[in-house]
N, C-alpha and C. Protein backbone atom coordinates (compact mmCIF):
# COMPACT_ATOMS: atom_id res chain seq x y z
N MET A 1 -147.24 -21.16 98.57
CA MET A 1 -147.69 -20.76 97.55
C MET A 1 -147.04 -19.45 96.91
N ALA A 2 -145.97 -19.64 95.97
CA ALA A 2 -145.20 -18.81 95.31
C ALA A 2 -145.81 -17.69 95.20
N GLN A 3 -145.16 -16.52 95.39
CA GLN A 3 -145.35 -15.19 95.16
C GLN A 3 -145.62 -14.63 93.77
N ARG A 4 -146.61 -14.21 93.32
CA ARG A 4 -146.62 -13.78 92.10
C ARG A 4 -146.33 -12.15 92.26
N PHE A 5 -146.00 -11.70 91.04
CA PHE A 5 -145.70 -10.54 90.64
C PHE A 5 -145.93 -9.53 89.69
N TRP A 6 -146.56 -8.43 89.75
CA TRP A 6 -147.37 -8.04 88.70
C TRP A 6 -146.21 -7.21 87.84
N ILE A 7 -146.66 -7.77 86.82
CA ILE A 7 -145.25 -7.18 85.37
C ILE A 7 -146.22 -6.75 84.34
N ALA A 8 -146.45 -4.78 84.23
CA ALA A 8 -147.51 -4.46 83.50
C ALA A 8 -146.60 -4.09 82.30
N GLU A 9 -145.07 -3.63 82.40
CA GLU A 9 -144.51 -2.69 81.74
C GLU A 9 -143.24 -3.36 81.59
N ILE A 10 -142.65 -3.74 80.86
CA ILE A 10 -141.01 -4.04 80.79
C ILE A 10 -140.46 -3.17 79.80
N ARG A 11 -139.41 -2.13 80.38
CA ARG A 11 -138.64 -1.21 79.76
C ARG A 11 -137.32 -1.63 78.92
N ILE A 12 -137.13 -1.85 77.44
CA ILE A 12 -136.06 -2.25 77.08
C ILE A 12 -135.28 -1.34 76.04
N SER A 13 -133.96 -0.90 76.65
CA SER A 13 -133.46 -0.04 75.81
C SER A 13 -132.81 -0.51 74.25
N PRO A 14 -133.04 0.62 73.19
CA PRO A 14 -132.31 -0.11 72.08
C PRO A 14 -131.08 -0.87 72.31
N ALA A 15 -130.03 -0.55 72.92
CA ALA A 15 -128.92 -1.26 73.31
C ALA A 15 -128.87 -2.66 73.43
N MET A 16 -130.08 -2.55 74.57
CA MET A 16 -130.59 -3.91 75.20
C MET A 16 -131.36 -4.76 74.27
N GLU A 17 -131.99 -4.44 73.23
CA GLU A 17 -132.78 -4.92 72.45
C GLU A 17 -131.56 -5.72 71.38
N THR A 18 -130.73 -4.95 70.78
CA THR A 18 -129.92 -5.56 70.05
C THR A 18 -129.09 -6.48 70.79
N LYS A 19 -128.70 -6.46 71.92
CA LYS A 19 -128.17 -7.81 72.58
C LYS A 19 -128.89 -8.79 72.81
N ILE A 20 -130.40 -8.52 73.15
CA ILE A 20 -130.91 -9.86 73.05
C ILE A 20 -131.10 -10.57 71.74
N ARG A 21 -131.13 -9.60 70.86
CA ARG A 21 -131.34 -10.26 69.39
C ARG A 21 -130.52 -10.99 68.84
N THR A 22 -128.97 -10.35 69.07
CA THR A 22 -127.80 -10.91 68.51
C THR A 22 -127.54 -12.26 69.53
N ARG A 23 -127.33 -11.83 71.02
CA ARG A 23 -126.82 -12.77 71.43
C ARG A 23 -127.63 -14.20 71.88
N ARG A 24 -128.75 -13.70 72.30
CA ARG A 24 -129.76 -14.84 72.98
C ARG A 24 -130.74 -15.06 71.68
N PHE A 25 -131.09 -14.40 70.80
CA PHE A 25 -131.74 -14.67 69.38
C PHE A 25 -133.51 -14.72 70.10
N VAL A 26 -133.40 -13.80 70.62
CA VAL A 26 -135.39 -13.48 71.12
C VAL A 26 -135.15 -12.25 71.08
N THR A 27 -136.74 -11.46 70.86
CA THR A 27 -136.91 -10.30 70.58
C THR A 27 -137.55 -9.56 71.96
N GLY A 28 -137.34 -8.04 72.15
CA GLY A 28 -138.22 -7.79 73.32
C GLY A 28 -139.73 -8.04 73.55
N ASP A 29 -140.32 -7.95 72.27
CA ASP A 29 -141.98 -8.49 72.20
C ASP A 29 -141.95 -9.67 72.44
N GLN A 30 -141.34 -10.79 72.35
CA GLN A 30 -141.25 -12.19 72.81
C GLN A 30 -141.01 -12.66 74.50
N VAL A 31 -140.07 -11.73 74.96
CA VAL A 31 -139.81 -11.41 76.32
C VAL A 31 -140.78 -10.94 77.21
N ARG A 32 -141.74 -9.71 76.34
CA ARG A 32 -142.85 -9.33 77.35
C ARG A 32 -143.76 -9.90 77.43
N GLU A 33 -144.08 -10.51 75.97
CA GLU A 33 -145.37 -11.85 75.94
C GLU A 33 -145.03 -13.03 77.14
N ALA A 34 -143.61 -13.32 77.33
CA ALA A 34 -143.42 -14.52 78.05
C ALA A 34 -143.83 -14.07 79.49
N CYS A 35 -143.47 -12.66 79.58
CA CYS A 35 -143.53 -12.41 81.29
C CYS A 35 -144.71 -11.86 81.62
N VAL A 36 -145.93 -12.06 81.00
CA VAL A 36 -147.08 -11.99 81.09
C VAL A 36 -147.40 -12.01 82.54
N PRO A 37 -148.34 -11.85 83.59
CA PRO A 37 -148.56 -12.47 85.07
C PRO A 37 -149.61 -13.78 84.41
N ASP A 38 -149.66 -14.78 85.15
CA ASP A 38 -150.46 -15.91 85.04
C ASP A 38 -149.47 -16.73 83.76
N HIS A 39 -148.67 -16.07 83.45
CA HIS A 39 -148.14 -16.98 82.04
C HIS A 39 -146.82 -17.45 82.37
N TYR A 40 -146.15 -16.57 83.00
CA TYR A 40 -144.41 -17.12 83.65
C TYR A 40 -144.60 -18.21 84.55
N GLU A 41 -143.78 -19.04 84.72
CA GLU A 41 -143.93 -20.33 85.34
C GLU A 41 -143.46 -20.01 86.99
N ARG A 42 -142.79 -19.06 87.18
CA ARG A 42 -142.16 -18.51 88.64
C ARG A 42 -141.43 -17.16 88.55
N ALA A 43 -141.55 -16.52 89.63
CA ALA A 43 -140.64 -15.24 89.49
C ALA A 43 -140.09 -15.16 91.01
N GLY A 44 -138.93 -14.84 91.47
CA GLY A 44 -138.44 -14.55 92.96
C GLY A 44 -137.38 -13.46 92.85
N TRP A 45 -137.24 -12.76 93.96
CA TRP A 45 -135.93 -11.95 93.82
C TRP A 45 -134.79 -12.28 93.75
N ASP A 46 -133.63 -11.60 93.36
CA ASP A 46 -132.41 -12.17 93.03
C ASP A 46 -131.30 -11.36 93.67
N ASP A 47 -130.92 -11.52 94.86
CA ASP A 47 -130.07 -10.07 95.47
C ASP A 47 -128.56 -10.55 94.93
N ASP A 48 -128.24 -9.67 93.85
CA ASP A 48 -126.71 -9.70 93.09
C ASP A 48 -125.68 -8.77 94.28
N PRO A 49 -124.69 -9.13 94.63
CA PRO A 49 -123.97 -8.17 95.05
C PRO A 49 -123.31 -7.10 94.49
N VAL A 50 -123.18 -7.39 93.23
CA VAL A 50 -122.63 -6.38 91.99
C VAL A 50 -123.84 -5.70 91.50
N HIS A 51 -125.01 -6.51 90.95
CA HIS A 51 -126.29 -6.03 90.39
C HIS A 51 -127.14 -5.10 91.22
N GLY A 52 -126.95 -5.58 92.45
CA GLY A 52 -128.46 -5.39 93.14
C GLY A 52 -129.42 -5.94 92.92
N ARG A 53 -130.64 -5.87 93.63
CA ARG A 53 -131.79 -6.63 93.84
C ARG A 53 -132.44 -6.65 92.21
N ARG A 54 -132.91 -7.85 92.06
CA ARG A 54 -133.56 -8.08 90.35
C ARG A 54 -134.55 -8.88 90.58
N LEU A 55 -135.63 -8.83 89.67
CA LEU A 55 -136.50 -9.81 90.09
C LEU A 55 -136.11 -11.22 88.75
N ALA A 56 -135.87 -12.60 88.91
CA ALA A 56 -135.62 -13.20 88.37
C ALA A 56 -137.18 -14.05 87.59
N VAL A 57 -137.40 -14.16 86.50
CA VAL A 57 -138.52 -14.35 86.06
C VAL A 57 -138.39 -15.99 85.15
N ARG A 58 -138.76 -17.09 85.51
CA ARG A 58 -138.28 -18.05 84.55
C ARG A 58 -139.70 -17.83 83.76
N CYS A 59 -139.94 -18.42 82.86
CA CYS A 59 -140.90 -18.26 81.66
C CYS A 59 -140.30 -19.26 80.16
N THR A 60 -141.39 -19.13 79.07
CA THR A 60 -141.11 -19.66 78.18
C THR A 60 -141.68 -18.83 76.96
N THR A 61 -141.50 -18.58 75.68
CA THR A 61 -141.92 -17.71 74.72
C THR A 61 -143.16 -18.95 74.10
N VAL A 62 -144.01 -18.07 73.57
CA VAL A 62 -145.12 -19.19 72.54
C VAL A 62 -144.27 -19.88 71.48
N ASP A 63 -142.98 -19.79 71.19
CA ASP A 63 -142.28 -20.53 70.29
C ASP A 63 -141.51 -21.63 71.01
N GLY A 64 -142.13 -21.41 72.36
CA GLY A 64 -141.29 -22.67 73.09
C GLY A 64 -140.14 -22.57 73.63
N VAL A 65 -139.43 -21.20 73.50
CA VAL A 65 -138.20 -20.85 73.82
C VAL A 65 -137.97 -20.43 75.47
N ARG A 66 -137.23 -21.42 76.55
CA ARG A 66 -137.41 -21.54 77.58
C ARG A 66 -136.32 -20.39 78.20
N LEU A 67 -136.45 -19.03 79.09
CA LEU A 67 -135.81 -18.32 79.44
C LEU A 67 -135.78 -17.87 80.91
N THR A 68 -135.02 -17.23 81.30
CA THR A 68 -134.85 -16.64 82.73
C THR A 68 -134.58 -15.07 82.38
N VAL A 69 -135.69 -14.25 82.94
CA VAL A 69 -135.52 -12.84 82.54
C VAL A 69 -135.11 -12.47 83.47
N LEU A 70 -134.30 -11.22 83.93
CA LEU A 70 -133.76 -10.71 84.90
C LEU A 70 -134.21 -9.08 84.62
N LEU A 71 -135.40 -8.75 85.59
CA LEU A 71 -135.63 -7.65 85.83
C LEU A 71 -135.22 -6.59 86.90
N GLN A 72 -134.67 -5.07 86.36
CA GLN A 72 -134.79 -3.96 87.41
C GLN A 72 -135.99 -3.34 87.83
N PRO A 73 -136.38 -3.56 89.44
CA PRO A 73 -137.76 -2.48 89.37
C PRO A 73 -137.32 -1.12 89.17
N VAL A 74 -138.45 -0.56 88.64
CA VAL A 74 -138.26 0.80 88.49
C VAL A 74 -139.75 1.11 89.17
N ASP A 75 -140.80 0.73 89.16
CA ASP A 75 -142.05 1.23 89.95
C ASP A 75 -142.74 -0.28 90.35
N VAL A 76 -142.88 -1.14 91.38
CA VAL A 76 -143.09 -2.31 91.61
C VAL A 76 -144.64 -2.34 91.56
N GLU A 77 -145.25 -1.23 92.34
CA GLU A 77 -146.19 -1.00 92.86
C GLU A 77 -147.28 -0.86 91.26
N GLU A 78 -146.61 -0.33 90.42
CA GLU A 78 -147.34 -0.11 89.47
C GLU A 78 -147.00 -1.04 88.06
N GLY A 79 -146.01 -1.86 88.34
CA GLY A 79 -145.52 -2.97 87.81
C GLY A 79 -144.63 -2.61 86.52
N ILE A 80 -143.78 -1.63 87.00
CA ILE A 80 -142.79 -1.43 85.91
C ILE A 80 -141.43 -1.69 86.31
N TRP A 81 -140.74 -2.11 84.93
CA TRP A 81 -139.43 -3.20 85.40
C TRP A 81 -138.47 -2.71 83.92
N ARG A 82 -137.27 -3.02 84.37
CA ARG A 82 -136.46 -2.30 82.98
C ARG A 82 -135.33 -3.94 83.08
N LEU A 83 -135.70 -4.35 81.51
CA LEU A 83 -135.12 -5.51 81.44
C LEU A 83 -133.39 -5.28 81.62
N ARG A 84 -132.83 -6.21 82.17
CA ARG A 84 -131.24 -6.37 82.53
C ARG A 84 -130.50 -7.30 81.93
N THR A 85 -131.45 -8.22 81.68
CA THR A 85 -130.83 -9.36 80.80
C THR A 85 -131.66 -10.31 80.71
N VAL A 86 -131.22 -11.12 79.55
CA VAL A 86 -132.13 -12.64 79.61
C VAL A 86 -131.25 -13.89 78.99
N LEU A 87 -131.47 -14.83 79.71
CA LEU A 87 -130.79 -15.94 79.54
C LEU A 87 -131.54 -17.11 78.87
N ARG A 88 -131.21 -18.16 77.87
CA ARG A 88 -131.68 -18.79 77.48
C ARG A 88 -131.70 -20.36 78.56
N ARG A 89 -132.62 -21.01 78.82
CA ARG A 89 -132.42 -22.05 79.81
C ARG A 89 -132.42 -23.47 78.72
N MET A 90 -131.67 -24.52 78.79
CA MET A 90 -131.55 -25.86 78.28
C MET A 90 -132.70 -26.73 78.49
N GLY A 91 -132.98 -27.70 77.75
CA GLY A 91 -134.16 -28.79 78.44
C GLY A 91 -135.35 -28.60 78.48
């Protein structure tokens, strides 16, 4: 069985909000809604040599936009994460 991660809060800086709105055409609220526990498709650790350990979350917005959301852990026990980037998935 896949590991489930508690995502209670996703912190998104104003600069990141601007980036995802203008480059990925999604809002921070859409990302937060798609990453709700028991709603996202799957999540797992991604160990990047440059960016470090991040949680990769595959999810879909209520509008049907498929995303991979990369979250930096702030406090895993409390479910607090920081948004690093969002990638749109095709298909």
